[in-house]
Amino acid sequence: MATQSSIKSVELPRFRLYFLHPQFWPTWLLVGFLYGLSWLPFRLQLALGRGLGWLFYKIMPKRVAVARRNLELCFPDMPIPEREILLRENFANTGIALFETGMAWWWPDWRMRRKLQVEGWEHIERCAAEGKGVFLLLFHFLCLEVHARAFGLVKPSVGLYRPHNNAVMEYLQTRGRSRSNKFMIQRKDVRSMLASLDAGEVAGYLPDQDYGRHRSVFVPLFNVPDACTTTGTTIFAAGAHCETLISTCERLPGSQGYRLTIYPPEHPIPSGDETTDAIHVNREVERAIRTMPNMYMWVHRRFKTRPTDELKSYYPKKQRRKDS
């Protein structure tokens, strides 16, 4: 059993006078505006978020092109008008996600709990009773910030840390994401991640983006036969005394709030083979996306790393020449 001393957690940053430098005034202005908006009624925040998402759709053509291309690759049989409706809904939810960041970072516990439903908690309790850690697979849905905060309210957990380039945002982001949770560890600190799981912690991991060729294999994802997929899932799941579970967070219709769901994968992970595990993970990604396709982070270039030179760019030819 690992001890807490073997885990190198990220120290929460402290406020520094340097943060008041004029170069950070625009950041503080935007953050202060977001903080104020976070206290508005939930229904109003959703409406404002949808409006912001419409603006994103109009002024961010490159991101629109990336999301459109992802949808074309994943759902080639979907009629184009339906894909375009899905695309616009996705950008509406992207706008809402900004407001949800404010909710996740600053809402008091009572307000978040009032908007939260939980299903499948028995799986976490069973692992705790068996003395196992939980290797929790999360996916890049747009309400991810709310997801992390909500999970921490019912079971304070461990998250992976990636620093922000802006010092003020680094201060706010680290403290915001640590709220209601135990601690964070560096995303490349494999040893501390394994130690956390051995110590019986619930540790979250996101395996569904393109992290490059290192420690990756090319396996199917939807209609793309060779999506670059991390093998980190196998490294953690096989290297510690833990059980792999999956968690999703769904925004409910109207202003009901959110449903947090925990469930086991259809196929055991690890399986003994990293390629098989990557295939199983992608199937779980597909299963989750099909339940709420308009909530996934389609603006990420999920298929940017290719086994060959085809499909180099997500952009149309004219735009590609302009960007090169």
C-alpha atoms as a PDB file:
ATOM      1  CA  MET A   1       0.000   0.000   0.000  1.00  0.00           C
ATOM      2  CA  ALA A   2       1.419   3.371  -1.032  1.00  0.00           C
ATOM      3  CA  THR A   3       1.731   6.158   1.504  1.00  0.00           C
ATOM      4  CA  GLN A   4       0.892   9.818   1.137  1.00  0.00           C
ATOM      5  CA  SER A   5       4.603  10.648   1.330  1.00  0.00           C
ATOM      6  CA  SER A   6       5.192   8.824  -1.969  1.00  0.00           C
ATOM      7  CA  ILE A   7       2.747  11.116  -3.777  1.00  0.00           C
ATOM      8  CA  LYS A   8       4.041  14.437  -5.103  1.00  0.00           C
ATOM      9  CA  SER A   9       0.975  16.635  -5.229  1.00  0.00           C
ATOM     10  CA  VAL A  10       0.845  20.073  -6.830  1.00  0.00           C
ATOM     11  CA  GLU A  11       1.040  22.843  -4.249  1.00  0.00           C
ATOM     12  CA  LEU A  12      -1.785  25.356  -4.487  1.00  0.00           C
ATOM     13  CA  PRO A  13      -0.402  28.686  -5.741  1.00  0.00           C
ATOM     14  CA  ARG A  14      -0.548  31.689  -3.441  1.00  0.00           C
ATOM     15  CA  PHE A  15      -1.617  35.167  -4.387  1.00  0.00           C
ATOM     16  CA  ARG A  16       1.314  37.427  -5.350  1.00  0.00           C
ATOM     17  CA  LEU A  17       1.449  41.189  -5.798  1.00  0.00           C
ATOM     18  CA  TYR A  18       2.872  40.445  -9.234  1.00  0.00           C
ATOM     19  CA  PHE A  19      -0.650  39.430 -10.278  1.00  0.00           C
ATOM     20  CA  LEU A  20      -1.654  43.104 -10.060  1.00  0.00           C
ATOM     21  CA  HIS A  21       0.747  44.104 -12.833  1.00  0.00           C
ATOM     22  CA  PRO A  22      -1.017  45.991 -15.671  1.00  0.00           C
ATOM     23  CA  GLN A  23      -0.339  43.111 -18.071  1.00  0.00           C
ATOM     24  CA  PHE A  24      -2.896  41.066 -16.102  1.00  0.00           C
ATOM     25  CA  TRP A  25      -5.601  43.734 -15.908  1.00  0.00           C
ATOM     26  CA  PRO A  26      -7.470  42.372 -18.968  1.00  0.00           C
ATOM     27  CA  THR A  27      -7.429  38.922 -17.364  1.00  0.00           C
ATOM     28  CA  TRP A  28      -8.785  40.257 -14.081  1.00  0.00           C
ATOM     29  CA  LEU A  29     -11.449  42.216 -15.952  1.00  0.00           C
ATOM     30  CA  LEU A  30     -12.664  39.146 -17.810  1.00  0.00           C
ATOM     31  CA  VAL A  31     -12.477  36.926 -14.725  1.00  0.00           C
ATOM     32  CA  GLY A  32     -14.292  39.503 -12.604  1.00  0.00           C
ATOM     33  CA  PHE A  33     -17.026  39.731 -15.234  1.00  0.00           C
ATOM     34  CA  LEU A  34     -17.344  35.936 -15.290  1.00  0.00           C
ATOM     35  CA  TYR A  35     -17.438  35.818 -11.487  1.00  0.00           C
ATOM     36  CA  GLY A  36     -20.276  38.318 -11.414  1.00  0.00           C
ATOM     37  CA  LEU A  37     -22.209  36.399 -14.054  1.00  0.00           C
ATOM     38  CA  SER A  38     -21.811  33.174 -12.060  1.00  0.00           C
ATOM     39  CA  TRP A  39     -24.241  34.546  -9.457  1.00  0.00           C
ATOM     40  CA  LEU A  40     -27.032  35.052 -11.971  1.00  0.00           C
ATOM     41  CA  PRO A  41     -29.930  32.562 -12.030  1.00  0.00           C
ATOM     42  CA  PHE A  42     -28.938  29.272 -13.645  1.00  0.00           C
ATOM     43  CA  ARG A  43     -31.544  29.510 -16.394  1.00  0.00           C
ATOM     44  CA  LEU A  44     -30.313  32.983 -17.362  1.00  0.00           C
ATOM     45  CA  GLN A  45     -26.700  31.802 -17.488  1.00  0.00           C
ATOM     46  CA  LEU A  46     -27.693  29.034 -19.890  1.00  0.00           C
ATOM     47  CA  ALA A  47     -29.456  31.528 -22.153  1.00  0.00           C
ATOM     48  CA  LEU A  48     -26.497  33.912 -22.131  1.00  0.00           C
ATOM     49  CA  GLY A  49     -24.144  31.013 -22.802  1.00  0.00           C
ATOM     50  CA  ARG A  50     -26.108  29.972 -25.860  1.00  0.00           C
ATOM     51  CA  GLY A  51     -25.879  33.516 -27.163  1.00  0.00           C
ATOM     52  CA  LEU A  52     -22.131  33.529 -26.598  1.00  0.00           C
ATOM     53  CA  GLY A  53     -21.883  30.227 -28.422  1.00  0.00           C
ATOM     54  CA  TRP A  54     -23.680  31.725 -31.413  1.00  0.00           C
ATOM     55  CA  LEU A  55     -21.077  34.507 -31.400  1.00  0.00           C
ATOM     56  CA  PHE A  56     -18.259  31.926 -31.277  1.00  0.00           C
ATOM     57  CA  TYR A  57     -19.801  30.214 -34.299  1.00  0.00           C
ATOM     58  CA  LYS A  58     -19.693  33.495 -36.230  1.00  0.00           C
ATOM     59  CA  ILE A  59     -16.211  34.742 -35.291  1.00  0.00           C
ATOM     60  CA  MET A  60     -14.191  31.497 -34.996  1.00  0.00           C
ATOM     61  CA  PRO A  61     -14.192  29.982 -38.509  1.00  0.00           C
ATOM     62  CA  LYS A  62     -11.117  27.810 -37.911  1.00  0.00           C
ATOM     63  CA  ARG A  63     -12.687  26.131 -34.895  1.00  0.00           C
ATOM     64  CA  VAL A  64     -15.950  25.718 -36.778  1.00  0.00           C
ATOM     65  CA  ALA A  65     -13.998  24.040 -39.602  1.00  0.00           C
ATOM     66  CA  VAL A  66     -12.294  21.660 -37.166  1.00  0.00           C
ATOM     67  CA  ALA A  67     -15.584  20.687 -35.498  1.00  0.00           C
ATOM     68  CA  ARG A  68     -17.309  20.263 -38.862  1.00  0.00           C
ATOM     69  CA  ARG A  69     -14.488  18.028 -40.098  1.00  0.00           C
ATOM     70  CA  ASN A  70     -14.598  15.897 -36.955  1.00  0.00           C
ATOM     71  CA  LEU A  71     -18.320  15.380 -37.397  1.00  0.00           C
ATOM     72  CA  GLU A  72     -17.834  14.490 -41.076  1.00  0.00           C
ATOM     73  CA  LEU A  73     -15.223  11.873 -40.157  1.00  0.00           C
ATOM     74  CA  CYS A  74     -17.147  10.372 -37.253  1.00  0.00           C
ATOM     75  CA  PHE A  75     -20.656  10.476 -38.754  1.00  0.00           C
ATOM     76  CA  PRO A  76     -20.247  10.229 -42.552  1.00  0.00           C
ATOM     77  CA  ASP A  77     -23.707   8.694 -42.978  1.00  0.00           C
ATOM     78  CA  MET A  78     -25.477  11.489 -41.136  1.00  0.00           C
ATOM     79  CA  PRO A  79     -27.254  13.853 -43.570  1.00  0.00           C
ATOM     80  CA  ILE A  80     -25.386  17.143 -43.938  1.00  0.00           C
ATOM     81  CA  PRO A  81     -28.320  19.279 -42.654  1.00  0.00           C
ATOM     82  CA  GLU A  82     -28.426  17.167 -39.475  1.00  0.00           C
ATOM     83  CA  ARG A  83     -24.673  17.523 -38.988  1.00  0.00           C
ATOM     84  CA  GLU A  84     -24.975  21.288 -39.379  1.00  0.00           C
ATOM     85  CA  ILE A  85     -27.718  21.402 -36.739  1.00  0.00           C
ATOM     86  CA  LEU A  86     -25.497  19.325 -34.457  1.00  0.00           C
ATOM     87  CA  LEU A  87     -22.592  21.677 -35.150  1.00  0.00           C
ATOM     88  CA  ARG A  88     -24.584  24.761 -34.187  1.00  0.00           C
ATOM     89  CA  GLU A  89     -25.902  23.091 -31.039  1.00  0.00           C
ATOM     90  CA  ASN A  90     -22.350  22.150 -30.153  1.00  0.00           C
ATOM     91  CA  PHE A  91     -21.214  25.759 -30.371  1.00  0.00           C
ATOM     92  CA  ALA A  92     -24.162  26.867 -28.259  1.00  0.00           C
ATOM     93  CA  ASN A  93     -22.969  24.412 -25.623  1.00  0.00           C
ATOM     94  CA  THR A  94     -19.418  25.704 -26.026  1.00  0.00           C
ATOM     95  CA  GLY A  95     -20.660  29.130 -24.971  1.00  0.00           C
ATOM     96  CA  ILE A  96     -22.495  27.645 -22.002  1.00  0.00           C
ATOM     97  CA  ALA A  97     -19.272  25.859 -21.006  1.00  0.00           C
ATOM     98  CA  LEU A  98     -17.645  29.218 -20.251  1.00  0.00           C
ATOM     99  CA  PHE A  99     -20.405  30.024 -17.777  1.00  0.00           C
ATOM    100  CA  GLU A 100     -20.127  26.527 -16.329  1.00  0.00           C
ATOM    101  CA  THR A 101     -16.474  27.200 -15.582  1.00  0.00           C
ATOM    102  CA  GLY A 102     -17.584  30.051 -13.342  1.00  0.00           C
ATOM    103  CA  MET A 103     -20.141  27.797 -11.667  1.00  0.00           C
ATOM    104  CA  ALA A 104     -17.550  25.076 -11.065  1.00  0.00           C
ATOM    105  CA  TRP A 105     -14.942  27.444  -9.641  1.00  0.00           C
ATOM    106  CA  TRP A 106     -17.086  29.748  -7.509  1.00  0.00           C
ATOM    107  CA  TRP A 107     -20.501  28.335  -6.715  1.00  0.00           C
ATOM    108  CA  PRO A 108     -20.929  27.425  -3.031  1.00  0.00           C
ATOM    109  CA  ASP A 109     -21.403  23.741  -2.292  1.00  0.00           C
ATOM    110  CA  TRP A 110     -25.085  24.117  -1.473  1.00  0.00           C
ATOM    111  CA  ARG A 111     -25.876  25.630  -4.859  1.00  0.00           C
ATOM    112  CA  MET A 112     -23.982  22.963  -6.778  1.00  0.00           C
ATOM    113  CA  ARG A 113     -25.542  20.137  -4.768  1.00  0.00           C
ATOM    114  CA  ARG A 114     -29.009  21.490  -5.485  1.00  0.00           C
ATOM    115  CA  LYS A 115     -28.379  20.998  -9.221  1.00  0.00           C
ATOM    116  CA  LEU A 116     -26.805  17.544  -8.947  1.00  0.00           C
ATOM    117  CA  GLN A 117     -28.143  14.009  -9.410  1.00  0.00           C
ATOM    118  CA  VAL A 118     -25.886  10.977  -8.956  1.00  0.00           C
ATOM    119  CA  GLU A 119     -26.272   7.489 -10.428  1.00  0.00           C
ATOM    120  CA  GLY A 120     -24.030   4.454 -10.029  1.00  0.00           C
ATOM    121  CA  TRP A 121     -22.425   5.490  -6.763  1.00  0.00           C
ATOM    122  CA  GLU A 122     -22.548   1.886  -5.591  1.00  0.00           C
ATOM    123  CA  HIS A 123     -19.562   1.125  -7.838  1.00  0.00           C
ATOM    124  CA  ILE A 124     -17.392   3.614  -5.930  1.00  0.00           C
ATOM    125  CA  GLU A 125     -18.597   2.240  -2.600  1.00  0.00           C
ATOM    126  CA  ARG A 126     -17.825  -1.326  -3.667  1.00  0.00           C
ATOM    127  CA  CYS A 127     -14.259  -0.440  -4.628  1.00  0.00           C
ATOM    128  CA  ALA A 128     -13.766   1.348  -1.305  1.00  0.00           C
ATOM    129  CA  ALA A 129     -15.077  -1.686   0.582  1.00  0.00           C
ATOM    130  CA  GLU A 130     -12.617  -3.902  -1.318  1.00  0.00           C
ATOM    131  CA  GLY A 131      -9.715  -1.577  -0.563  1.00  0.00           C
ATOM    132  CA  LYS A 132      -9.183  -0.661  -4.208  1.00  0.00           C
ATOM    133  CA  GLY A 133      -8.391   2.651  -5.795  1.00  0.00           C
ATOM    134  CA  VAL A 134     -10.557   3.809  -8.690  1.00  0.00           C
ATOM    135  CA  PHE A 135      -8.982   4.679 -12.026  1.00  0.00           C
ATOM    136  CA  LEU A 136     -11.746   6.918 -13.311  1.00  0.00           C
ATOM    137  CA  LEU A 137     -11.990   7.536 -17.053  1.00  0.00           C
ATOM    138  CA  LEU A 138     -13.488  10.903 -17.980  1.00  0.00           C
ATOM    139  CA  PHE A 139     -14.023  12.280 -21.468  1.00  0.00           C
ATOM    140  CA  HIS A 140     -13.798  15.793 -22.915  1.00  0.00           C
ATOM    141  CA  PHE A 141     -17.408  16.856 -22.752  1.00  0.00           C
ATOM    142  CA  LEU A 142     -18.056  20.565 -22.557  1.00  0.00           C
ATOM    143  CA  CYS A 143     -19.284  20.496 -18.948  1.00  0.00           C
ATOM    144  CA  LEU A 144     -15.995  18.931 -17.795  1.00  0.00           C
ATOM    145  CA  GLU A 145     -15.322  21.675 -15.220  1.00  0.00           C
ATOM    146  CA  VAL A 146     -18.723  21.067 -13.610  1.00  0.00           C
ATOM    147  CA  HIS A 147     -18.072  17.324 -13.842  1.00  0.00           C
ATOM    148  CA  ALA A 148     -14.869  17.572 -11.795  1.00  0.00           C
ATOM    149  CA  ARG A 149     -16.453  19.831  -9.174  1.00  0.00           C
ATOM    150  CA  ALA A 150     -19.587  17.700  -8.891  1.00  0.00           C
ATOM    151  CA  PHE A 151     -17.631  14.492  -8.459  1.00  0.00           C
ATOM    152  CA  GLY A 152     -15.518  16.097  -5.755  1.00  0.00           C
ATOM    153  CA  LEU A 153     -18.628  17.030  -3.802  1.00  0.00           C
ATOM    154  CA  VAL A 154     -19.594  13.386  -3.388  1.00  0.00           C
ATOM    155  CA  LYS A 155     -16.080  11.898  -3.348  1.00  0.00           C
ATOM    156  CA  PRO A 156     -13.042  14.208  -3.141  1.00  0.00           C
ATOM    157  CA  SER A 157     -10.634  12.866  -5.742  1.00  0.00           C
ATOM    158  CA  VAL A 158      -7.280  13.285  -7.476  1.00  0.00           C
ATOM    159  CA  GLY A 159      -6.851  15.055 -10.805  1.00  0.00           C
ATOM    160  CA  LEU A 160      -4.085  15.552 -13.332  1.00  0.00           C
ATOM    161  CA  TYR A 161      -2.500  18.976 -13.602  1.00  0.00           C
ATOM    162  CA  ARG A 162      -1.426  20.949 -16.649  1.00  0.00           C
ATOM    163  CA  PRO A 163      -0.130  24.493 -16.008  1.00  0.00           C
ATOM    164  CA  HIS A 164      -1.605  27.573 -17.683  1.00  0.00           C
ATOM    165  CA  ASN A 165       0.644  30.008 -19.539  1.00  0.00           C
ATOM    166  CA  ASN A 166      -1.016  33.028 -17.907  1.00  0.00           C
ATOM    167  CA  ALA A 167       0.147  33.367 -14.258  1.00  0.00           C
ATOM    168  CA  VAL A 168      -3.183  34.762 -13.037  1.00  0.00           C
ATOM    169  CA  MET A 169      -5.174  32.083 -14.848  1.00  0.00           C
ATOM    170  CA  GLU A 170      -2.788  29.488 -13.423  1.00  0.00           C
ATOM    171  CA  TYR A 171      -3.573  30.778  -9.913  1.00  0.00           C
ATOM    172  CA  LEU A 172      -7.334  30.817 -10.482  1.00  0.00           C
ATOM    173  CA  GLN A 173      -7.510  27.594 -12.497  1.00  0.00           C
ATOM    174  CA  THR A 174      -5.491  25.517 -10.043  1.00  0.00           C
ATOM    175  CA  ARG A 175      -7.474  26.702  -7.040  1.00  0.00           C
ATOM    176  CA  GLY A 176     -10.772  26.418  -8.909  1.00  0.00           C
ATOM    177  CA  ARG A 177     -10.134  22.882 -10.065  1.00  0.00           C
ATOM    178  CA  SER A 178      -8.957  21.829  -6.619  1.00  0.00           C
ATOM    179  CA  ARG A 179     -12.153  23.040  -5.000  1.00  0.00           C
ATOM    180  CA  SER A 180     -14.032  20.103  -3.438  1.00  0.00           C
ATOM    181  CA  ASN A 181     -11.262  17.707  -4.515  1.00  0.00           C
ATOM    182  CA  LYS A 182      -8.191  16.411  -2.690  1.00  0.00           C
ATOM    183  CA  PHE A 183      -5.182  17.417  -4.761  1.00  0.00           C
ATOM    184  CA  MET A 184      -3.687  17.374  -8.238  1.00  0.00           C
ATOM    185  CA  ILE A 185      -0.539  15.769  -9.601  1.00  0.00           C
ATOM    186  CA  GLN A 186       1.570  16.590 -12.653  1.00  0.00           C
ATOM    187  CA  ARG A 187       0.075  14.905 -15.713  1.00  0.00           C
ATOM    188  CA  LYS A 188       3.407  13.211 -16.550  1.00  0.00           C
ATOM    189  CA  ASP A 189       4.063  12.054 -12.974  1.00  0.00           C
ATOM    190  CA  VAL A 190       3.257   8.388 -13.494  1.00  0.00           C
ATOM    191  CA  ARG A 191       4.747   7.366 -10.162  1.00  0.00           C
ATOM    192  CA  SER A 192       2.507   9.654  -8.115  1.00  0.00           C
ATOM    193  CA  MET A 193      -0.548   8.599 -10.108  1.00  0.00           C
ATOM    194  CA  LEU A 194       0.146   4.942  -9.397  1.00  0.00           C
ATOM    195  CA  ALA A 195       0.860   5.709  -5.741  1.00  0.00           C
ATOM    196  CA  SER A 196      -2.460   7.550  -5.451  1.00  0.00           C
ATOM    197  CA  LEU A 197      -4.352   4.566  -6.835  1.00  0.00           C
ATOM    198  CA  ASP A 198      -2.464   2.169  -4.561  1.00  0.00           C
ATOM    199  CA  ALA A 199      -3.440   4.389  -1.632  1.00  0.00           C
ATOM    200  CA  GLY A 200      -7.114   3.837  -2.492  1.00  0.00           C
ATOM    201  CA  GLU A 201      -7.804   7.211  -4.086  1.00  0.00           C
ATOM    202  CA  VAL A 202     -10.175   7.952  -6.947  1.00  0.00           C
ATOM    203  CA  ALA A 203      -7.964   9.383  -9.701  1.00  0.00           C
ATOM    204  CA  GLY A 204      -9.363  10.880 -12.906  1.00  0.00           C
ATOM    205  CA  TYR A 205      -7.811  10.429 -16.328  1.00  0.00           C
ATOM    206  CA  LEU A 206      -8.863  11.670 -19.792  1.00  0.00           C
ATOM    207  CA  PRO A 207      -7.779   9.260 -22.561  1.00  0.00           C
ATOM    208  CA  ASP A 208      -9.864  10.592 -25.457  1.00  0.00           C
ATOM    209  CA  GLN A 209      -7.705  13.260 -27.117  1.00  0.00           C
ATOM    210  CA  ASP A 210      -4.812  13.065 -29.571  1.00  0.00           C
ATOM    211  CA  TYR A 211      -1.648  13.298 -27.443  1.00  0.00           C
ATOM    212  CA  GLY A 212       0.783  12.494 -30.269  1.00  0.00           C
ATOM    213  CA  ARG A 213       2.666   9.356 -31.242  1.00  0.00           C
ATOM    214  CA  HIS A 214       4.497   8.803 -27.937  1.00  0.00           C
ATOM    215  CA  ARG A 215       2.883   5.962 -25.981  1.00  0.00           C
ATOM    216  CA  SER A 216       0.040   5.714 -28.485  1.00  0.00           C
ATOM    217  CA  VAL A 217      -1.451   3.217 -30.926  1.00  0.00           C
ATOM    218  CA  PHE A 218      -3.690   3.679 -33.975  1.00  0.00           C
ATOM    219  CA  VAL A 219      -7.073   2.055 -33.409  1.00  0.00           C
ATOM    220  CA  PRO A 220     -10.648   2.692 -34.619  1.00  0.00           C
ATOM    221  CA  LEU A 221     -12.812   5.532 -33.350  1.00  0.00           C
ATOM    222  CA  PHE A 222     -16.222   5.799 -34.983  1.00  0.00           C
ATOM    223  CA  ASN A 223     -15.572   5.654 -38.761  1.00  0.00           C
ATOM    224  CA  VAL A 224     -11.889   6.564 -38.497  1.00  0.00           C
ATOM    225  CA  PRO A 225      -9.959   3.262 -38.557  1.00  0.00           C
ATOM    226  CA  ASP A 226      -6.679   4.657 -37.207  1.00  0.00           C
ATOM    227  CA  ALA A 227      -7.229   7.260 -34.503  1.00  0.00           C
ATOM    228  CA  CYS A 228      -4.104   7.999 -32.476  1.00  0.00           C
ATOM    229  CA  THR A 229      -5.032   6.773 -28.974  1.00  0.00           C
ATOM    230  CA  THR A 230      -2.960   6.908 -25.797  1.00  0.00           C
ATOM    231  CA  THR A 231      -1.818   3.707 -24.082  1.00  0.00           C
ATOM    232  CA  GLY A 232      -1.599   5.568 -20.774  1.00  0.00           C
ATOM    233  CA  THR A 233      -4.814   3.868 -19.713  1.00  0.00           C
ATOM    234  CA  THR A 234      -3.018   0.514 -19.631  1.00  0.00           C
ATOM    235  CA  ILE A 235       0.000   1.956 -17.796  1.00  0.00           C
ATOM    236  CA  PHE A 236      -2.136   3.204 -14.921  1.00  0.00           C
ATOM    237  CA  ALA A 237      -4.840   0.533 -14.835  1.00  0.00           C
ATOM    238  CA  ALA A 238      -2.349  -2.347 -14.925  1.00  0.00           C
ATOM    239  CA  GLY A 239       0.242  -0.753 -12.662  1.00  0.00           C
ATOM    240  CA  ALA A 240      -1.814  -0.174  -9.542  1.00  0.00           C
ATOM    241  CA  HIS A 241      -4.244  -1.924  -7.197  1.00  0.00           C
ATOM    242  CA  CYS A 242      -7.361  -0.374  -8.664  1.00  0.00           C
ATOM    243  CA  GLU A 243     -10.473  -0.864 -10.735  1.00  0.00           C
ATOM    244  CA  THR A 244     -11.287   1.054 -13.905  1.00  0.00           C
ATOM    245  CA  LEU A 245     -14.617   2.853 -13.914  1.00  0.00           C
ATOM    246  CA  ILE A 246     -16.118   5.495 -16.198  1.00  0.00           C
ATOM    247  CA  SER A 247     -17.889   8.699 -15.262  1.00  0.00           C
ATOM    248  CA  THR A 248     -19.963  11.032 -17.399  1.00  0.00           C
ATOM    249  CA  CYS A 249     -21.765  14.263 -16.585  1.00  0.00           C
ATOM    250  CA  GLU A 250     -24.893  15.205 -18.519  1.00  0.00           C
ATOM    251  CA  ARG A 251     -26.623  18.585 -18.489  1.00  0.00           C
ATOM    252  CA  LEU A 252     -30.299  17.871 -17.956  1.00  0.00           C
ATOM    253  CA  PRO A 253     -33.091  19.533 -19.980  1.00  0.00           C
ATOM    254  CA  GLY A 254     -34.330  22.940 -18.958  1.00  0.00           C
ATOM    255  CA  SER A 255     -32.667  24.170 -15.793  1.00  0.00           C
ATOM    256  CA  GLN A 256     -32.778  20.915 -13.841  1.00  0.00           C
ATOM    257  CA  GLY A 257     -29.016  20.747 -13.467  1.00  0.00           C
ATOM    258  CA  TYR A 258     -26.641  17.833 -14.033  1.00  0.00           C
ATOM    259  CA  ARG A 259     -26.616  14.065 -13.807  1.00  0.00           C
ATOM    260  CA  LEU A 260     -23.342  12.467 -12.687  1.00  0.00           C
ATOM    261  CA  THR A 261     -23.128   8.805 -13.725  1.00  0.00           C
ATOM    262  CA  ILE A 262     -20.537   6.171 -12.765  1.00  0.00           C
ATOM    263  CA  TYR A 263     -20.427   2.781 -14.465  1.00  0.00           C
ATOM    264  CA  PRO A 264     -17.982  -0.027 -15.333  1.00  0.00           C
ATOM    265  CA  PRO A 265     -16.679  -0.413 -18.909  1.00  0.00           C
ATOM    266  CA  GLU A 266     -18.313  -3.034 -21.130  1.00  0.00           C
ATOM    267  CA  HIS A 267     -14.956  -4.845 -21.378  1.00  0.00           C
ATOM    268  CA  PRO A 268     -12.519  -5.111 -18.448  1.00  0.00           C
ATOM    269  CA  ILE A 269      -9.608  -2.662 -18.530  1.00  0.00           C
ATOM    270  CA  PRO A 270      -6.781  -3.643 -18.389  1.00  0.00           C
ATOM    271  CA  SER A 271      -7.086  -6.671 -20.641  1.00  0.00           C
ATOM    272  CA  GLY A 272      -3.403  -7.607 -20.748  1.00  0.00           C
ATOM    273  CA  ASP A 273      -2.820  -5.932 -24.129  1.00  0.00           C
ATOM    274  CA  GLU A 274      -2.430  -2.178 -24.624  1.00  0.00           C
ATOM    275  CA  THR A 275      -3.891  -2.153 -28.137  1.00  0.00           C
ATOM    276  CA  THR A 276      -6.968  -4.049 -26.979  1.00  0.00           C
ATOM    277  CA  ASP A 277      -7.326  -1.602 -24.093  1.00  0.00           C
ATOM    278  CA  ALA A 278      -7.131   1.358 -26.485  1.00  0.00           C
ATOM    279  CA  ILE A 279      -9.852  -0.208 -28.643  1.00  0.00           C
ATOM    280  CA  HIS A 280     -12.047  -0.727 -25.585  1.00  0.00           C
ATOM    281  CA  VAL A 281     -11.481   2.837 -24.404  1.00  0.00           C
ATOM    282  CA  ASN A 282     -12.503   4.232 -27.790  1.00  0.00           C
ATOM    283  CA  ARG A 283     -15.638   2.129 -27.728  1.00  0.00           C
ATOM    284  CA  GLU A 284     -16.490   3.681 -24.378  1.00  0.00           C
ATOM    285  CA  VAL A 285     -15.836   7.121 -25.850  1.00  0.00           C
ATOM    286  CA  GLU A 286     -18.221   6.302 -28.698  1.00  0.00           C
ATOM    287  CA  ARG A 287     -20.861   5.021 -26.303  1.00  0.00           C
ATOM    288  CA  ALA A 288     -20.686   8.194 -24.207  1.00  0.00           C
ATOM    289  CA  ILE A 289     -20.711  10.527 -27.210  1.00  0.00           C
ATOM    290  CA  ARG A 290     -23.760   8.844 -28.735  1.00  0.00           C
ATOM    291  CA  THR A 291     -25.766   9.725 -25.615  1.00  0.00           C
ATOM    292  CA  MET A 292     -24.990  13.453 -25.985  1.00  0.00           C
ATOM    293  CA  PRO A 293     -23.152  14.212 -29.252  1.00  0.00           C
ATOM    294  CA  ASN A 294     -23.854  17.944 -29.034  1.00  0.00           C
ATOM    295  CA  MET A 295     -21.925  18.140 -25.745  1.00  0.00           C
ATOM    296  CA  TYR A 296     -18.586  16.738 -26.901  1.00  0.00           C
ATOM    297  CA  MET A 297     -15.524  18.950 -27.454  1.00  0.00           C
ATOM    298  CA  TRP A 298     -15.486  18.653 -31.253  1.00  0.00           C
ATOM    299  CA  VAL A 299     -13.265  21.713 -31.673  1.00  0.00           C
ATOM    300  CA  HIS A 300     -10.219  19.620 -30.704  1.00  0.00           C
ATOM    301  CA  ARG A 301      -8.301  18.227 -33.702  1.00  0.00           C
ATOM    302  CA  ARG A 302      -8.833  14.657 -32.599  1.00  0.00           C
ATOM    303  CA  PHE A 303      -7.315  13.097 -35.735  1.00  0.00           C
ATOM    304  CA  LYS A 304      -4.332  15.395 -36.259  1.00  0.00           C
ATOM    305  CA  THR A 305      -1.718  12.625 -35.771  1.00  0.00           C
ATOM    306  CA  ARG A 306      -1.845  10.245 -38.728  1.00  0.00           C
ATOM    307  CA  PRO A 307      -0.027   6.993 -39.488  1.00  0.00           C
ATOM    308  CA  THR A 308       0.586   8.344 -43.007  1.00  0.00           C
ATOM    309  CA  ASP A 309       0.545  11.786 -44.606  1.00  0.00           C
ATOM    310  CA  GLU A 310      -3.110  11.890 -45.652  1.00  0.00           C
ATOM    311  CA  LEU A 311      -5.608  14.056 -43.790  1.00  0.00           C
ATOM    312  CA  LYS A 312      -2.929  16.572 -42.777  1.00  0.00           C
ATOM    313  CA  SER A 313      -5.230  19.529 -42.312  1.00  0.00           C
ATOM    314  CA  TYR A 314      -8.731  20.125 -41.031  1.00  0.00           C
ATOM    315  CA  TYR A 315      -9.085  23.309 -43.050  1.00  0.00           C
ATOM    316  CA  PRO A 316     -10.337  23.836 -46.606  1.00  0.00           C
ATOM    317  CA  LYS A 317      -7.597  24.271 -49.210  1.00  0.00           C
ATOM    318  CA  LYS A 318      -7.838  28.087 -49.440  1.00  0.00           C
ATOM    319  CA  GLN A 319      -7.637  28.447 -45.676  1.00  0.00           C
ATOM    320  CA  ARG A 320      -4.838  25.861 -45.459  1.00  0.00           C
ATOM    321  CA  ARG A 321      -2.619  27.909 -47.796  1.00  0.00           C
ATOM    322  CA  LYS A 322      -3.386  31.009 -45.782  1.00  0.00           C
ATOM    323  CA  ASP A 323      -2.468  29.318 -42.468  1.00  0.00           C
ATOM    324  CA  SER A 324       0.734  27.649 -43.690  1.00  0.00           C
END
